[in-house]
Amino acid sequence: MKDKTTRPTCDDPAFDVAWMLFCTLHDAPSPERAEALVRWLGVHPGNICALDDVLTLWALTGAALVKPSMEEALREERQLQ
């Protein structure tokens, strides 16, 4: 039997729901969408872990997209000096 606090994986349905709820709230914020996310988080302790994984993936993806731009800016700055 799976422990209630076991971290979800990307193939876990909780991850999929967390992703959908987060993206929906991110793309079109509203009190209703925020409330739906909060209600869902309270249903099961694993849902909090799933949202944490979604937010981690979101942050890492953003960092991966920004890093090349930052490196390019630093190279250009060194060339100007």
C-alpha atoms as a PDB file:
ATOM      1  CA  MET A   1       0.000   0.000   0.000  1.00  0.00           C
ATOM      2  CA  LYS A   2       1.282   3.454  -0.900  1.00  0.00           C
ATOM      3  CA  ASP A   3       2.109   5.778   1.998  1.00  0.00           C
ATOM      4  CA  LYS A   4      -0.074   8.921   2.080  1.00  0.00           C
ATOM      5  CA  THR A   5       2.994  11.159   2.172  1.00  0.00           C
ATOM      6  CA  THR A   6       4.887   9.491  -0.689  1.00  0.00           C
ATOM      7  CA  ARG A   7       5.970  12.112  -3.181  1.00  0.00           C
ATOM      8  CA  PRO A   8       4.079  11.935  -6.461  1.00  0.00           C
ATOM      9  CA  THR A   9       5.832  11.384  -9.731  1.00  0.00           C
ATOM     10  CA  CYS A  10       5.160  12.969 -13.101  1.00  0.00           C
ATOM     11  CA  ASP A  11       2.958   9.997 -14.012  1.00  0.00           C
ATOM     12  CA  ASP A  12       0.904  10.459 -10.828  1.00  0.00           C
ATOM     13  CA  PRO A  13      -2.639  11.740 -11.449  1.00  0.00           C
ATOM     14  CA  ALA A  14      -2.156  14.250  -8.596  1.00  0.00           C
ATOM     15  CA  PHE A  15       0.718  15.838 -10.543  1.00  0.00           C
ATOM     16  CA  ASP A  16      -1.539  16.186 -13.598  1.00  0.00           C
ATOM     17  CA  VAL A  17      -4.309  17.821 -11.551  1.00  0.00           C
ATOM     18  CA  ALA A  18      -1.807  20.127  -9.824  1.00  0.00           C
ATOM     19  CA  TRP A  19      -0.375  21.128 -13.211  1.00  0.00           C
ATOM     20  CA  MET A  20      -3.821  21.840 -14.629  1.00  0.00           C
ATOM     21  CA  LEU A  21      -4.961  23.824 -11.591  1.00  0.00           C
ATOM     22  CA  PHE A  22      -1.727  25.830 -11.445  1.00  0.00           C
ATOM     23  CA  CYS A  23      -1.660  26.620 -15.171  1.00  0.00           C
ATOM     24  CA  THR A  24      -5.325  27.605 -15.158  1.00  0.00           C
ATOM     25  CA  LEU A  25      -4.766  29.926 -12.198  1.00  0.00           C
ATOM     26  CA  HIS A  26      -1.549  31.306 -13.700  1.00  0.00           C
ATOM     27  CA  ASP A  27      -3.064  31.971 -17.132  1.00  0.00           C
ATOM     28  CA  ALA A  28      -6.385  33.409 -15.927  1.00  0.00           C
ATOM     29  CA  PRO A  29      -6.217  34.275 -12.222  1.00  0.00           C
ATOM     30  CA  SER A  30      -9.494  34.514 -10.345  1.00  0.00           C
ATOM     31  CA  PRO A  31     -10.693  34.045  -6.779  1.00  0.00           C
ATOM     32  CA  GLU A  32     -12.688  31.000  -7.904  1.00  0.00           C
ATOM     33  CA  ARG A  33      -9.646  29.316  -9.431  1.00  0.00           C
ATOM     34  CA  ALA A  34      -7.542  30.097  -6.360  1.00  0.00           C
ATOM     35  CA  GLU A  35     -10.255  28.661  -4.139  1.00  0.00           C
ATOM     36  CA  ALA A  36     -10.438  25.495  -6.269  1.00  0.00           C
ATOM     37  CA  LEU A  37      -6.684  25.019  -5.863  1.00  0.00           C
ATOM     38  CA  VAL A  38      -6.840  25.565  -2.098  1.00  0.00           C
ATOM     39  CA  ARG A  39      -9.773  23.142  -1.749  1.00  0.00           C
ATOM     40  CA  TRP A  40      -7.927  20.510  -3.797  1.00  0.00           C
ATOM     41  CA  LEU A  41      -4.785  20.930  -1.677  1.00  0.00           C
ATOM     42  CA  GLY A  42      -6.818  20.148   1.445  1.00  0.00           C
ATOM     43  CA  VAL A  43      -8.203  16.875   0.082  1.00  0.00           C
ATOM     44  CA  HIS A  44      -5.030  14.804   0.474  1.00  0.00           C
ATOM     45  CA  PRO A  45      -1.524  15.482   1.871  1.00  0.00           C
ATOM     46  CA  GLY A  46       0.005  14.192  -1.364  1.00  0.00           C
ATOM     47  CA  ASN A  47      -1.648  17.029  -3.277  1.00  0.00           C
ATOM     48  CA  ILE A  48       0.641  19.524  -1.555  1.00  0.00           C
ATOM     49  CA  CYS A  49       3.662  17.494  -2.675  1.00  0.00           C
ATOM     50  CA  ALA A  50       2.272  17.371  -6.211  1.00  0.00           C
ATOM     51  CA  LEU A  51       1.891  21.162  -6.300  1.00  0.00           C
ATOM     52  CA  ASP A  52       5.408  21.528  -4.882  1.00  0.00           C
ATOM     53  CA  ASP A  53       6.715  19.367  -7.733  1.00  0.00           C
ATOM     54  CA  VAL A  54       4.776  21.444 -10.272  1.00  0.00           C
ATOM     55  CA  LEU A  55       6.178  24.695  -8.871  1.00  0.00           C
ATOM     56  CA  THR A  56       9.690  23.248  -8.861  1.00  0.00           C
ATOM     57  CA  LEU A  57       9.327  22.195 -12.499  1.00  0.00           C
ATOM     58  CA  TRP A  58       7.932  25.646 -13.376  1.00  0.00           C
ATOM     59  CA  ALA A  59      10.850  27.401 -11.646  1.00  0.00           C
ATOM     60  CA  LEU A  60      13.500  25.168 -13.205  1.00  0.00           C
ATOM     61  CA  THR A  61      12.003  25.596 -16.657  1.00  0.00           C
ATOM     62  CA  GLY A  62      12.018  29.360 -16.246  1.00  0.00           C
ATOM     63  CA  ALA A  63      15.616  29.292 -15.034  1.00  0.00           C
ATOM     64  CA  ALA A  64      16.615  27.193 -18.028  1.00  0.00           C
ATOM     65  CA  LEU A  65      14.998  29.705 -20.374  1.00  0.00           C
ATOM     66  CA  VAL A  66      16.552  32.735 -18.670  1.00  0.00           C
ATOM     67  CA  LYS A  67      20.073  31.372 -18.199  1.00  0.00           C
ATOM     68  CA  PRO A  68      21.121  31.559 -21.888  1.00  0.00           C
ATOM     69  CA  SER A  69      19.877  35.151 -22.086  1.00  0.00           C
ATOM     70  CA  MET A  70      21.788  36.098 -18.954  1.00  0.00           C
ATOM     71  CA  GLU A  71      24.972  34.434 -20.221  1.00  0.00           C
ATOM     72  CA  GLU A  72      24.626  36.287 -23.528  1.00  0.00           C
ATOM     73  CA  ALA A  73      24.177  39.613 -21.716  1.00  0.00           C
ATOM     74  CA  LEU A  74      27.263  38.957 -19.595  1.00  0.00           C
ATOM     75  CA  ARG A  75      29.329  38.136 -22.704  1.00  0.00           C
ATOM     76  CA  GLU A  76      28.174  41.337 -24.395  1.00  0.00           C
ATOM     77  CA  GLU A  77      28.929  43.352 -21.254  1.00  0.00           C
ATOM     78  CA  ARG A  78      32.500  41.984 -21.123  1.00  0.00           C
ATOM     79  CA  GLN A  79      32.999  42.890 -24.791  1.00  0.00           C
ATOM     80  CA  LEU A  80      31.992  46.493 -24.105  1.00  0.00           C
ATOM     81  CA  GLN A  81      34.553  46.916 -21.332  1.00  0.00           C
END
